[in-house]
């Protein structure tokens, strides 16, 4: 069909005259020329792209965030448990190595002690075992932290992808390995924090004759550290989700929490109260043979994912309900 330029009615293609008004329509006889009526199909509506902040639909509040924490944990429970079990493999390997070192020390020292038994030989054996155990314990603790921390960061990534896309998009092993990039900066920062705490506590020695002043000073320092800790409480999710370096993540965390510090404190207070209640319940269940041991093991496996879920729920809630972001 084509359109008559006089009365704007539809005319069959190839017609020289409009059957309605008789006007010539030869100028529109080109069958490949589309009329405005064909082209004009109305305005094109383009759906807005979902922003990063709009991806979260998580409520923020003391009770709401606690609820979101357990919802996030339950919705991603399988992947969270799997990634939390990965560090157990190197832990088992390190335990076997430690046992081997202790046995080798015994086999080296014990025959000599039996041939020439004396208090000095016994002391040498015990001292050797003590030094070996101490060294292996320090190495074990450090390596356990190194292998466990990527798992925790991976849990945050899993929770983020589950919240955004409905399912984790990265494999468990890839997510775990991704967490290693955060080990060095975080441990360096932790060392700096411990050094700062030691320096802050040094003045306590000056108040030896003024115990009341010393107590007030310690309370003040702990209060300041708690306040600062709350302002930086979502630094790890910021590093994982927004891929910011450590000090930029600290600034970002402070900006997100600012204005809602007391509410975040309330969330942590209620959470710890809930955990204390669960701990008391687990203590009662622990009296039941076998069932109590299984329940305690399950609780230990769930503790790290639960803490990751709380941290993520606070971050996502702050971000979803912050007018500045």
C-alpha atoms as a PDB file:
ATOM      1  CA  UNK A   1       0.000   0.000   0.000  1.00  0.00           C
ATOM      2  CA  UNK A   2       0.955   3.628  -0.605  1.00  0.00           C
ATOM      3  CA  UNK A   3      -0.474   6.887   0.659  1.00  0.00           C
ATOM      4  CA  UNK A   4      -2.358   9.589  -1.310  1.00  0.00           C
ATOM      5  CA  UNK A   5      -0.635  12.930  -0.754  1.00  0.00           C
ATOM      6  CA  UNK A   6      -4.011  14.732  -1.095  1.00  0.00           C
ATOM      7  CA  UNK A   7      -6.335  12.896   1.294  1.00  0.00           C
ATOM      8  CA  UNK A   8      -3.715  10.733   3.041  1.00  0.00           C
ATOM      9  CA  UNK A   9      -5.669   7.549   2.463  1.00  0.00           C
ATOM     10  CA  UNK A  10      -4.151   4.190   1.612  1.00  0.00           C
ATOM     11  CA  UNK A  11      -3.956   3.411  -2.111  1.00  0.00           C
ATOM     12  CA  UNK A  12      -3.031   0.027  -3.621  1.00  0.00           C
ATOM     13  CA  UNK A  13       0.490  -0.103  -5.032  1.00  0.00           C
ATOM     14  CA  UNK A  14       0.629   0.598  -8.791  1.00  0.00           C
ATOM     15  CA  UNK A  15      -2.556   2.761  -8.841  1.00  0.00           C
ATOM     16  CA  UNK A  16      -2.183   6.071 -10.743  1.00  0.00           C
ATOM     17  CA  UNK A  17      -5.142   7.767  -9.077  1.00  0.00           C
ATOM     18  CA  UNK A  18      -6.625   7.705  -5.576  1.00  0.00           C
ATOM     19  CA  UNK A  19     -10.012   5.916  -5.649  1.00  0.00           C
ATOM     20  CA  UNK A  20     -11.281   8.193  -2.840  1.00  0.00           C
ATOM     21  CA  UNK A  21     -10.471  11.695  -4.144  1.00  0.00           C
ATOM     22  CA  UNK A  22      -9.232  11.032  -7.674  1.00  0.00           C
ATOM     23  CA  UNK A  23      -5.936  12.807  -7.163  1.00  0.00           C
ATOM     24  CA  UNK A  24      -2.834  11.575  -8.958  1.00  0.00           C
ATOM     25  CA  UNK A  25      -0.572   9.453  -6.822  1.00  0.00           C
ATOM     26  CA  UNK A  26       2.056   8.729  -9.447  1.00  0.00           C
ATOM     27  CA  UNK A  27       4.714  10.328  -7.305  1.00  0.00           C
ATOM     28  CA  UNK A  28       4.160   7.589  -4.721  1.00  0.00           C
ATOM     29  CA  UNK A  29       4.036   4.748  -7.191  1.00  0.00           C
ATOM     30  CA  UNK A  30       7.494   3.459  -6.228  1.00  0.00           C
ATOM     31  CA  UNK A  31       6.723   0.154  -4.491  1.00  0.00           C
ATOM     32  CA  UNK A  32       9.991   0.357  -2.493  1.00  0.00           C
ATOM     33  CA  UNK A  33       9.215   3.746  -0.973  1.00  0.00           C
ATOM     34  CA  UNK A  34       7.745   3.322   2.476  1.00  0.00           C
ATOM     35  CA  UNK A  35       5.178   5.765   3.733  1.00  0.00           C
ATOM     36  CA  UNK A  36       5.406   7.619   7.033  1.00  0.00           C
ATOM     37  CA  UNK A  37       2.584   5.449   8.313  1.00  0.00           C
ATOM     38  CA  UNK A  38       4.768   2.387   7.824  1.00  0.00           C
ATOM     39  CA  UNK A  39       7.888   3.934   9.359  1.00  0.00           C
ATOM     40  CA  UNK A  40       6.231   5.631  12.297  1.00  0.00           C
ATOM     41  CA  UNK A  41       5.673   2.754  14.695  1.00  0.00           C
ATOM     42  CA  UNK A  42       5.828   4.942  17.752  1.00  0.00           C
ATOM     43  CA  UNK A  43       8.754   5.886  19.956  1.00  0.00           C
ATOM     44  CA  UNK A  44      11.396   3.259  20.583  1.00  0.00           C
ATOM     45  CA  UNK A  45      11.541   2.413  24.259  1.00  0.00           C
ATOM     46  CA  UNK A  46      14.905   1.162  25.517  1.00  0.00           C
ATOM     47  CA  UNK A  47      14.912  -0.574  28.897  1.00  0.00           C
ATOM     48  CA  UNK A  48      17.364   1.128  31.240  1.00  0.00           C
ATOM     49  CA  UNK A  49      20.430  -0.857  32.112  1.00  0.00           C
ATOM     50  CA  UNK A  50      20.442  -2.169  35.623  1.00  0.00           C
ATOM     51  CA  UNK A  51      22.948  -0.203  37.659  1.00  0.00           C
ATOM     52  CA  UNK A  52      25.404  -1.816  40.032  1.00  0.00           C
ATOM     53  CA  UNK A  53      23.550  -0.466  43.038  1.00  0.00           C
ATOM     54  CA  UNK A  54      20.137  -1.524  41.739  1.00  0.00           C
ATOM     55  CA  UNK A  55      21.403  -5.116  41.576  1.00  0.00           C
ATOM     56  CA  UNK A  56      20.940  -5.419  45.335  1.00  0.00           C
ATOM     57  CA  UNK A  57      17.465  -5.617  46.767  1.00  0.00           C
ATOM     58  CA  UNK A  58      18.495  -6.017  50.381  1.00  0.00           C
ATOM     59  CA  UNK A  59      16.874  -4.254  53.312  1.00  0.00           C
ATOM     60  CA  UNK A  60      18.940  -2.447  55.885  1.00  0.00           C
ATOM     61  CA  UNK A  61      18.136  -2.266  59.576  1.00  0.00           C
ATOM     62  CA  UNK A  62      18.965  -4.072  62.772  1.00  0.00           C
ATOM     63  CA  UNK A  63      16.355  -6.797  62.450  1.00  0.00           C
ATOM     64  CA  UNK A  64      16.219  -6.698  58.644  1.00  0.00           C
ATOM     65  CA  UNK A  65      19.973  -7.177  58.212  1.00  0.00           C
ATOM     66  CA  UNK A  66      20.039 -10.112  60.616  1.00  0.00           C
ATOM     67  CA  UNK A  67      17.244 -11.689  58.587  1.00  0.00           C
ATOM     68  CA  UNK A  68      19.069 -10.971  55.333  1.00  0.00           C
ATOM     69  CA  UNK A  69      22.192 -12.575  56.803  1.00  0.00           C
ATOM     70  CA  UNK A  70      20.510 -15.903  57.434  1.00  0.00           C
ATOM     71  CA  UNK A  71      18.642 -15.745  54.104  1.00  0.00           C
ATOM     72  CA  UNK A  72      21.921 -15.185  52.244  1.00  0.00           C
ATOM     73  CA  UNK A  73      23.544 -18.053  54.169  1.00  0.00           C
ATOM     74  CA  UNK A  74      20.726 -20.484  53.392  1.00  0.00           C
ATOM     75  CA  UNK A  75      20.481 -19.498  49.703  1.00  0.00           C
ATOM     76  CA  UNK A  76      24.217 -20.079  49.111  1.00  0.00           C
ATOM     77  CA  UNK A  77      24.868 -22.769  51.707  1.00  0.00           C
ATOM     78  CA  UNK A  78      26.252 -25.440  49.349  1.00  0.00           C
ATOM     79  CA  UNK A  79      28.960 -23.360  47.630  1.00  0.00           C
ATOM     80  CA  UNK A  80      29.846 -21.633  50.912  1.00  0.00           C
ATOM     81  CA  UNK A  81      30.494 -24.953  52.643  1.00  0.00           C
ATOM     82  CA  UNK A  82      32.479 -26.327  49.710  1.00  0.00           C
ATOM     83  CA  UNK A  83      34.843 -23.363  49.563  1.00  0.00           C
ATOM     84  CA  UNK A  84      35.211 -23.371  53.365  1.00  0.00           C
ATOM     85  CA  UNK A  85      36.390 -27.011  53.224  1.00  0.00           C
ATOM     86  CA  UNK A  86      39.264 -26.316  50.802  1.00  0.00           C
ATOM     87  CA  UNK A  87      41.683 -25.082  53.545  1.00  0.00           C
ATOM     88  CA  UNK A  88      41.232 -28.374  55.392  1.00  0.00           C
ATOM     89  CA  UNK A  89      43.350 -30.134  52.742  1.00  0.00           C
ATOM     90  CA  UNK A  90      46.565 -28.172  53.441  1.00  0.00           C
ATOM     91  CA  UNK A  91      45.715 -28.348  57.155  1.00  0.00           C
ATOM     92  CA  UNK A  92      45.751 -32.144  57.005  1.00  0.00           C
ATOM     93  CA  UNK A  93      49.012 -32.099  55.035  1.00  0.00           C
ATOM     94  CA  UNK A  94      50.627 -29.735  57.565  1.00  0.00           C
ATOM     95  CA  UNK A  95      49.456 -31.928  60.449  1.00  0.00           C
ATOM     96  CA  UNK A  96      51.033 -34.987  58.857  1.00  0.00           C
ATOM     97  CA  UNK A  97      54.292 -33.085  58.335  1.00  0.00           C
ATOM     98  CA  UNK A  98      54.262 -31.887  61.947  1.00  0.00           C
ATOM     99  CA  UNK A  99      53.754 -35.419  63.230  1.00  0.00           C
ATOM    100  CA  UNK A 100      56.599 -36.596  61.005  1.00  0.00           C
ATOM    101  CA  UNK A 101      58.938 -33.910  62.358  1.00  0.00           C
ATOM    102  CA  UNK A 102      58.110 -34.814  65.955  1.00  0.00           C
ATOM    103  CA  UNK A 103      58.626 -38.527  65.284  1.00  0.00           C
ATOM    104  CA  UNK A 104      61.973 -37.852  63.602  1.00  0.00           C
ATOM    105  CA  UNK A 105      63.125 -35.820  66.628  1.00  0.00           C
ATOM    106  CA  UNK A 106      62.120 -38.648  68.952  1.00  0.00           C
ATOM    107  CA  UNK A 107      63.947 -41.267  66.870  1.00  0.00           C
ATOM    108  CA  UNK A 108      67.061 -39.123  66.780  1.00  0.00           C
ATOM    109  CA  UNK A 109      67.156 -38.252  70.460  1.00  0.00           C
ATOM    110  CA  UNK A 110      65.565 -41.262  72.174  1.00  0.00           C
ATOM    111  CA  UNK A 111      68.211 -43.942  71.386  1.00  0.00           C
ATOM    112  CA  UNK A 112      70.991 -41.653  72.574  1.00  0.00           C
ATOM    113  CA  UNK A 113      69.079 -40.957  75.766  1.00  0.00           C
ATOM    114  CA  UNK A 114      68.528 -44.671  76.433  1.00  0.00           C
ATOM    115  CA  UNK A 115      72.227 -45.469  75.936  1.00  0.00           C
ATOM    116  CA  UNK A 116      73.400 -42.691  78.199  1.00  0.00           C
ATOM    117  CA  UNK A 117      70.432 -41.897  80.355  1.00  0.00           C
ATOM    118  CA  UNK A 118      70.863 -38.779  82.398  1.00  0.00           C
ATOM    119  CA  UNK A 119      68.842 -35.701  83.317  1.00  0.00           C
ATOM    120  CA  UNK A 120      70.759 -33.788  80.663  1.00  0.00           C
ATOM    121  CA  UNK A 121      69.790 -36.294  77.956  1.00  0.00           C
ATOM    122  CA  UNK A 122      66.154 -36.206  79.060  1.00  0.00           C
ATOM    123  CA  UNK A 123      66.222 -32.416  79.070  1.00  0.00           C
ATOM    124  CA  UNK A 124      67.738 -32.471  75.577  1.00  0.00           C
ATOM    125  CA  UNK A 125      64.928 -34.708  74.320  1.00  0.00           C
ATOM    126  CA  UNK A 126      62.168 -32.624  75.918  1.00  0.00           C
ATOM    127  CA  UNK A 127      63.792 -29.388  74.767  1.00  0.00           C
ATOM    128  CA  UNK A 128      64.104 -30.659  71.212  1.00  0.00           C
ATOM    129  CA  UNK A 129      60.468 -31.724  71.198  1.00  0.00           C
ATOM    130  CA  UNK A 130      59.402 -28.394  72.672  1.00  0.00           C
ATOM    131  CA  UNK A 131      61.291 -26.361  70.078  1.00  0.00           C
ATOM    132  CA  UNK A 132      59.966 -28.555  67.272  1.00  0.00           C
ATOM    133  CA  UNK A 133      56.391 -28.283  68.473  1.00  0.00           C
ATOM    134  CA  UNK A 134      56.707 -24.512  68.917  1.00  0.00           C
ATOM    135  CA  UNK A 135      58.113 -23.994  65.429  1.00  0.00           C
ATOM    136  CA  UNK A 136      55.512 -26.224  63.824  1.00  0.00           C
ATOM    137  CA  UNK A 137      52.730 -24.499  65.758  1.00  0.00           C
ATOM    138  CA  UNK A 138      53.807 -21.058  64.552  1.00  0.00           C
ATOM    139  CA  UNK A 139      54.141 -22.292  60.973  1.00  0.00           C
ATOM    140  CA  UNK A 140      50.797 -24.078  61.227  1.00  0.00           C
ATOM    141  CA  UNK A 141      48.984 -20.984  62.496  1.00  0.00           C
ATOM    142  CA  UNK A 142      50.480 -18.719  59.830  1.00  0.00           C
ATOM    143  CA  UNK A 143      49.782 -21.122  56.978  1.00  0.00           C
ATOM    144  CA  UNK A 144      46.295 -21.842  58.306  1.00  0.00           C
ATOM    145  CA  UNK A 145      45.511 -18.140  58.192  1.00  0.00           C
ATOM    146  CA  UNK A 146      47.025 -17.822  54.702  1.00  0.00           C
ATOM    147  CA  UNK A 147      44.922 -20.689  53.352  1.00  0.00           C
ATOM    148  CA  UNK A 148      41.749 -19.785  55.248  1.00  0.00           C
ATOM    149  CA  UNK A 149      41.582 -16.099  54.350  1.00  0.00           C
ATOM    150  CA  UNK A 150      41.080 -16.683  50.574  1.00  0.00           C
ATOM    151  CA  UNK A 151      38.193 -18.961  51.478  1.00  0.00           C
ATOM    152  CA  UNK A 152      36.520 -16.168  53.451  1.00  0.00           C
ATOM    153  CA  UNK A 153      37.004 -13.659  50.628  1.00  0.00           C
ATOM    154  CA  UNK A 154      35.673 -16.249  48.191  1.00  0.00           C
ATOM    155  CA  UNK A 155      32.558 -16.654  50.309  1.00  0.00           C
ATOM    156  CA  UNK A 156      31.864 -12.926  49.953  1.00  0.00           C
ATOM    157  CA  UNK A 157      32.231 -13.237  46.167  1.00  0.00           C
ATOM    158  CA  UNK A 158      29.822 -16.186  46.127  1.00  0.00           C
ATOM    159  CA  UNK A 159      27.246 -14.249  48.156  1.00  0.00           C
ATOM    160  CA  UNK A 160      27.593 -11.266  45.824  1.00  0.00           C
ATOM    161  CA  UNK A 161      27.095 -13.305  42.636  1.00  0.00           C
ATOM    162  CA  UNK A 162      24.163 -15.181  44.153  1.00  0.00           C
ATOM    163  CA  UNK A 163      22.492 -11.902  45.113  1.00  0.00           C
ATOM    164  CA  UNK A 164      23.105 -10.267  41.712  1.00  0.00           C
ATOM    165  CA  UNK A 165      22.529 -13.107  39.286  1.00  0.00           C
ATOM    166  CA  UNK A 166      20.653 -15.786  41.208  1.00  0.00           C
ATOM    167  CA  UNK A 167      23.603 -18.194  41.152  1.00  0.00           C
ATOM    168  CA  UNK A 168      27.400 -18.090  41.478  1.00  0.00           C
ATOM    169  CA  UNK A 169      29.025 -17.429  38.101  1.00  0.00           C
ATOM    170  CA  UNK A 170      32.573 -18.346  39.089  1.00  0.00           C
ATOM    171  CA  UNK A 171      33.729 -21.856  39.916  1.00  0.00           C
ATOM    172  CA  UNK A 172      34.546 -22.763  43.509  1.00  0.00           C
ATOM    173  CA  UNK A 173      38.251 -23.307  42.853  1.00  0.00           C
ATOM    174  CA  UNK A 174      38.596 -20.146  40.751  1.00  0.00           C
ATOM    175  CA  UNK A 175      36.824 -18.163  43.456  1.00  0.00           C
ATOM    176  CA  UNK A 176      39.149 -19.560  46.108  1.00  0.00           C
ATOM    177  CA  UNK A 177      42.268 -18.776  44.080  1.00  0.00           C
ATOM    178  CA  UNK A 178      40.933 -15.280  43.422  1.00  0.00           C
ATOM    179  CA  UNK A 179      40.988 -14.705  47.180  1.00  0.00           C
ATOM    180  CA  UNK A 180      44.785 -15.062  47.365  1.00  0.00           C
ATOM    181  CA  UNK A 181      45.285 -11.628  45.831  1.00  0.00           C
ATOM    182  CA  UNK A 182      44.055 -10.065  49.081  1.00  0.00           C
ATOM    183  CA  UNK A 183      46.290 -12.008  51.484  1.00  0.00           C
ATOM    184  CA  UNK A 184      49.405  -9.799  51.485  1.00  0.00           C
ATOM    185  CA  UNK A 185      47.713  -6.373  51.800  1.00  0.00           C
ATOM    186  CA  UNK A 186      45.353  -7.558  54.531  1.00  0.00           C
ATOM    187  CA  UNK A 187      48.068  -9.236  56.585  1.00  0.00           C
ATOM    188  CA  UNK A 188      50.297  -6.200  56.206  1.00  0.00           C
ATOM    189  CA  UNK A 189      47.458  -4.021  57.428  1.00  0.00           C
ATOM    190  CA  UNK A 190      46.771  -6.344  60.367  1.00  0.00           C
ATOM    191  CA  UNK A 191      50.423  -6.106  61.405  1.00  0.00           C
ATOM    192  CA  UNK A 192      50.233  -2.314  61.295  1.00  0.00           C
ATOM    193  CA  UNK A 193      47.066  -2.390  63.409  1.00  0.00           C
ATOM    194  CA  UNK A 194      48.718  -4.576  66.047  1.00  0.00           C
ATOM    195  CA  UNK A 195      51.750  -2.292  66.161  1.00  0.00           C
ATOM    196  CA  UNK A 196      49.453   0.721  66.578  1.00  0.00           C
ATOM    197  CA  UNK A 197      47.554  -1.021  69.392  1.00  0.00           C
ATOM    198  CA  UNK A 198      50.797  -1.834  71.213  1.00  0.00           C
ATOM    199  CA  UNK A 199      51.919   1.787  70.924  1.00  0.00           C
ATOM    200  CA  UNK A 200      48.549   3.012  72.159  1.00  0.00           C
ATOM    201  CA  UNK A 201      48.735   0.729  75.189  1.00  0.00           C
ATOM    202  CA  UNK A 202      52.253   1.768  76.191  1.00  0.00           C
ATOM    203  CA  UNK A 203      51.043   4.813  78.182  1.00  0.00           C
ATOM    204  CA  UNK A 204      49.162   2.427  80.493  1.00  0.00           C
ATOM    205  CA  UNK A 205      52.523   1.646  82.118  1.00  0.00           C
ATOM    206  CA  UNK A 206      52.818   5.312  83.059  1.00  0.00           C
ATOM    207  CA  UNK A 207      49.580   5.135  85.027  1.00  0.00           C
ATOM    208  CA  UNK A 208      50.775   2.373  87.363  1.00  0.00           C
ATOM    209  CA  UNK A 209      50.161   4.537  90.410  1.00  0.00           C
ATOM    210  CA  UNK A 210      46.864   5.805  88.997  1.00  0.00           C
ATOM    211  CA  UNK A 211      44.767   2.690  88.330  1.00  0.00           C
ATOM    212  CA  UNK A 212      41.554   4.661  87.775  1.00  0.00           C
ATOM    213  CA  UNK A 213      43.219   6.772  85.090  1.00  0.00           C
ATOM    214  CA  UNK A 214      44.659   3.631  83.504  1.00  0.00           C
ATOM    215  CA  UNK A 215      41.214   1.990  83.352  1.00  0.00           C
ATOM    216  CA  UNK A 216      39.630   5.123  81.889  1.00  0.00           C
ATOM    217  CA  UNK A 217      42.403   5.360  79.306  1.00  0.00           C
ATOM    218  CA  UNK A 218      41.971   1.714  78.258  1.00  0.00           C
ATOM    219  CA  UNK A 219      38.177   2.129  78.033  1.00  0.00           C
ATOM    220  CA  UNK A 220      38.618   5.263  75.911  1.00  0.00           C
ATOM    221  CA  UNK A 221      41.077   3.543  73.580  1.00  0.00           C
ATOM    222  CA  UNK A 222      38.818   0.496  73.188  1.00  0.00           C
ATOM    223  CA  UNK A 223      35.864   2.784  72.488  1.00  0.00           C
ATOM    224  CA  UNK A 224      37.764   4.641  69.775  1.00  0.00           C
ATOM    225  CA  UNK A 225      39.014   1.401  68.232  1.00  0.00           C
ATOM    226  CA  UNK A 226      35.478  -0.046  68.248  1.00  0.00           C
ATOM    227  CA  UNK A 227      34.140   3.062  66.540  1.00  0.00           C
ATOM    228  CA  UNK A 228      36.878   2.973  63.901  1.00  0.00           C
ATOM    229  CA  UNK A 229      36.367  -0.769  63.424  1.00  0.00           C
ATOM    230  CA  UNK A 230      32.668  -0.243  62.739  1.00  0.00           C
ATOM    231  CA  UNK A 231      33.431   2.465  60.174  1.00  0.00           C
ATOM    232  CA  UNK A 232      35.781   0.039  58.394  1.00  0.00           C
ATOM    233  CA  UNK A 233      33.606  -3.068  58.852  1.00  0.00           C
ATOM    234  CA  UNK A 234      32.721  -3.518  55.145  1.00  0.00           C
ATOM    235  CA  UNK A 235      36.257  -3.049  53.822  1.00  0.00           C
ATOM    236  CA  UNK A 236      36.577  -6.694  52.759  1.00  0.00           C
ATOM    237  CA  UNK A 237      33.336  -6.744  50.709  1.00  0.00           C
ATOM    238  CA  UNK A 238      34.392  -3.478  49.071  1.00  0.00           C
ATOM    239  CA  UNK A 239      37.748  -4.996  48.084  1.00  0.00           C
ATOM    240  CA  UNK A 240      36.135  -8.129  46.621  1.00  0.00           C
ATOM    241  CA  UNK A 241      33.024  -6.655  44.979  1.00  0.00           C
ATOM    242  CA  UNK A 242      34.239  -3.218  43.889  1.00  0.00           C
ATOM    243  CA  UNK A 243      37.834  -4.414  43.360  1.00  0.00           C
ATOM    244  CA  UNK A 244      39.378  -1.459  45.139  1.00  0.00           C
ATOM    245  CA  UNK A 245      42.839  -1.502  46.752  1.00  0.00           C
ATOM    246  CA  UNK A 246      43.027  -1.666  50.518  1.00  0.00           C
ATOM    247  CA  UNK A 247      43.258   2.010  51.457  1.00  0.00           C
ATOM    248  CA  UNK A 248      40.653   3.048  48.857  1.00  0.00           C
ATOM    249  CA  UNK A 249      38.398   0.315  50.278  1.00  0.00           C
ATOM    250  CA  UNK A 250      38.875   1.719  53.788  1.00  0.00           C
ATOM    251  CA  UNK A 251      37.770   5.157  52.559  1.00  0.00           C
ATOM    252  CA  UNK A 252      34.798   3.653  50.720  1.00  0.00           C
ATOM    253  CA  UNK A 253      33.744   1.670  53.805  1.00  0.00           C
ATOM    254  CA  UNK A 254      33.876   4.801  55.936  1.00  0.00           C
ATOM    255  CA  UNK A 255      31.689   6.648  53.405  1.00  0.00           C
ATOM    256  CA  UNK A 256      29.107   3.858  53.331  1.00  0.00           C
ATOM    257  CA  UNK A 257      28.840   3.520  57.109  1.00  0.00           C
ATOM    258  CA  UNK A 258      28.969   7.258  57.852  1.00  0.00           C
ATOM    259  CA  UNK A 259      25.658   8.436  59.249  1.00  0.00           C
ATOM    260  CA  UNK A 260      24.593   4.902  60.195  1.00  0.00           C
ATOM    261  CA  UNK A 261      27.377   3.948  62.596  1.00  0.00           C
ATOM    262  CA  UNK A 262      25.106   3.340  65.567  1.00  0.00           C
ATOM    263  CA  UNK A 263      22.742   1.222  63.511  1.00  0.00           C
ATOM    264  CA  UNK A 264      25.631  -0.966  62.338  1.00  0.00           C
ATOM    265  CA  UNK A 265      26.749  -1.276  65.967  1.00  0.00           C
ATOM    266  CA  UNK A 266      23.228  -2.380  66.822  1.00  0.00           C
ATOM    267  CA  UNK A 267      23.349  -5.008  64.076  1.00  0.00           C
ATOM    268  CA  UNK A 268      26.570  -6.470  65.460  1.00  0.00           C
ATOM    269  CA  UNK A 269      25.199  -6.336  69.004  1.00  0.00           C
ATOM    270  CA  UNK A 270      22.034  -8.245  68.079  1.00  0.00           C
ATOM    271  CA  UNK A 271      24.019 -10.699  65.970  1.00  0.00           C
ATOM    272  CA  UNK A 272      26.384 -11.551  68.822  1.00  0.00           C
ATOM    273  CA  UNK A 273      23.403 -11.902  71.159  1.00  0.00           C
ATOM    274  CA  UNK A 274      21.807 -14.339  68.715  1.00  0.00           C
ATOM    275  CA  UNK A 275      25.074 -16.255  68.426  1.00  0.00           C
ATOM    276  CA  UNK A 276      25.336 -16.463  72.209  1.00  0.00           C
ATOM    277  CA  UNK A 277      21.840 -17.923  72.311  1.00  0.00           C
ATOM    278  CA  UNK A 278      22.762 -20.435  69.624  1.00  0.00           C
ATOM    279  CA  UNK A 279      25.958 -21.254  71.535  1.00  0.00           C
ATOM    280  CA  UNK A 280      23.971 -21.949  74.705  1.00  0.00           C
ATOM    281  CA  UNK A 281      21.626 -24.177  72.736  1.00  0.00           C
ATOM    282  CA  UNK A 282      24.584 -26.007  71.200  1.00  0.00           C
ATOM    283  CA  UNK A 283      26.015 -26.500  74.689  1.00  0.00           C
ATOM    284  CA  UNK A 284      22.828 -28.287  75.734  1.00  0.00           C
ATOM    285  CA  UNK A 285      22.742 -30.354  72.542  1.00  0.00           C
ATOM    286  CA  UNK A 286      26.428 -31.169  73.036  1.00  0.00           C
ATOM    287  CA  UNK A 287      25.517 -33.254  76.067  1.00  0.00           C
ATOM    288  CA  UNK A 288      23.815 -35.760  73.778  1.00  0.00           C
ATOM    289  CA  UNK A 289      26.289 -38.451  72.649  1.00  0.00           C
ATOM    290  CA  UNK A 290      27.178 -38.485  68.939  1.00  0.00           C
ATOM    291  CA  UNK A 291      24.450 -35.968  68.041  1.00  0.00           C
ATOM    292  CA  UNK A 292      26.148 -33.315  70.144  1.00  0.00           C
ATOM    293  CA  UNK A 293      29.515 -33.904  68.467  1.00  0.00           C
ATOM    294  CA  UNK A 294      27.967 -33.778  64.992  1.00  0.00           C
ATOM    295  CA  UNK A 295      26.092 -30.588  65.856  1.00  0.00           C
ATOM    296  CA  UNK A 296      29.281 -28.986  67.174  1.00  0.00           C
ATOM    297  CA  UNK A 297      31.180 -29.924  64.009  1.00  0.00           C
ATOM    298  CA  UNK A 298      28.392 -28.523  61.841  1.00  0.00           C
ATOM    299  CA  UNK A 299      28.453 -25.279  63.820  1.00  0.00           C
ATOM    300  CA  UNK A 300      32.207 -24.930  63.332  1.00  0.00           C
ATOM    301  CA  UNK A 301      31.815 -25.437  59.573  1.00  0.00           C
ATOM    302  CA  UNK A 302      29.047 -22.805  59.414  1.00  0.00           C
ATOM    303  CA  UNK A 303      30.760 -20.108  61.485  1.00  0.00           C
ATOM    304  CA  UNK A 304      32.946 -18.647  58.713  1.00  0.00           C
ATOM    305  CA  UNK A 305      30.127 -18.611  56.106  1.00  0.00           C
ATOM    306  CA  UNK A 306      27.824 -17.003  58.673  1.00  0.00           C
ATOM    307  CA  UNK A 307      30.315 -14.229  59.402  1.00  0.00           C
ATOM    308  CA  UNK A 308      30.825 -13.679  55.659  1.00  0.00           C
ATOM    309  CA  UNK A 309      27.048 -13.525  55.175  1.00  0.00           C
ATOM    310  CA  UNK A 310      26.716 -10.919  57.934  1.00  0.00           C
ATOM    311  CA  UNK A 311      29.463  -8.751  56.448  1.00  0.00           C
ATOM    312  CA  UNK A 312      27.938  -9.018  52.976  1.00  0.00           C
ATOM    313  CA  UNK A 313      24.414  -8.284  54.213  1.00  0.00           C
ATOM    314  CA  UNK A 314      25.624  -5.116  55.966  1.00  0.00           C
ATOM    315  CA  UNK A 315      27.533  -3.988  52.867  1.00  0.00           C
ATOM    316  CA  UNK A 316      24.716  -4.724  50.419  1.00  0.00           C
ATOM    317  CA  UNK A 317      22.140  -3.148  52.726  1.00  0.00           C
ATOM    318  CA  UNK A 318      24.217   0.005  53.111  1.00  0.00           C
ATOM    319  CA  UNK A 319      24.781   0.213  49.382  1.00  0.00           C
ATOM    320  CA  UNK A 320      21.157  -0.475  48.438  1.00  0.00           C
ATOM    321  CA  UNK A 321      19.840   2.155  50.829  1.00  0.00           C
ATOM    322  CA  UNK A 322      22.464   4.870  50.443  1.00  0.00           C
ATOM    323  CA  UNK A 323      21.348   7.930  48.472  1.00  0.00           C
ATOM    324  CA  UNK A 324      24.965   8.822  47.720  1.00  0.00           C
ATOM    325  CA  UNK A 325      25.720   5.648  45.776  1.00  0.00           C
END
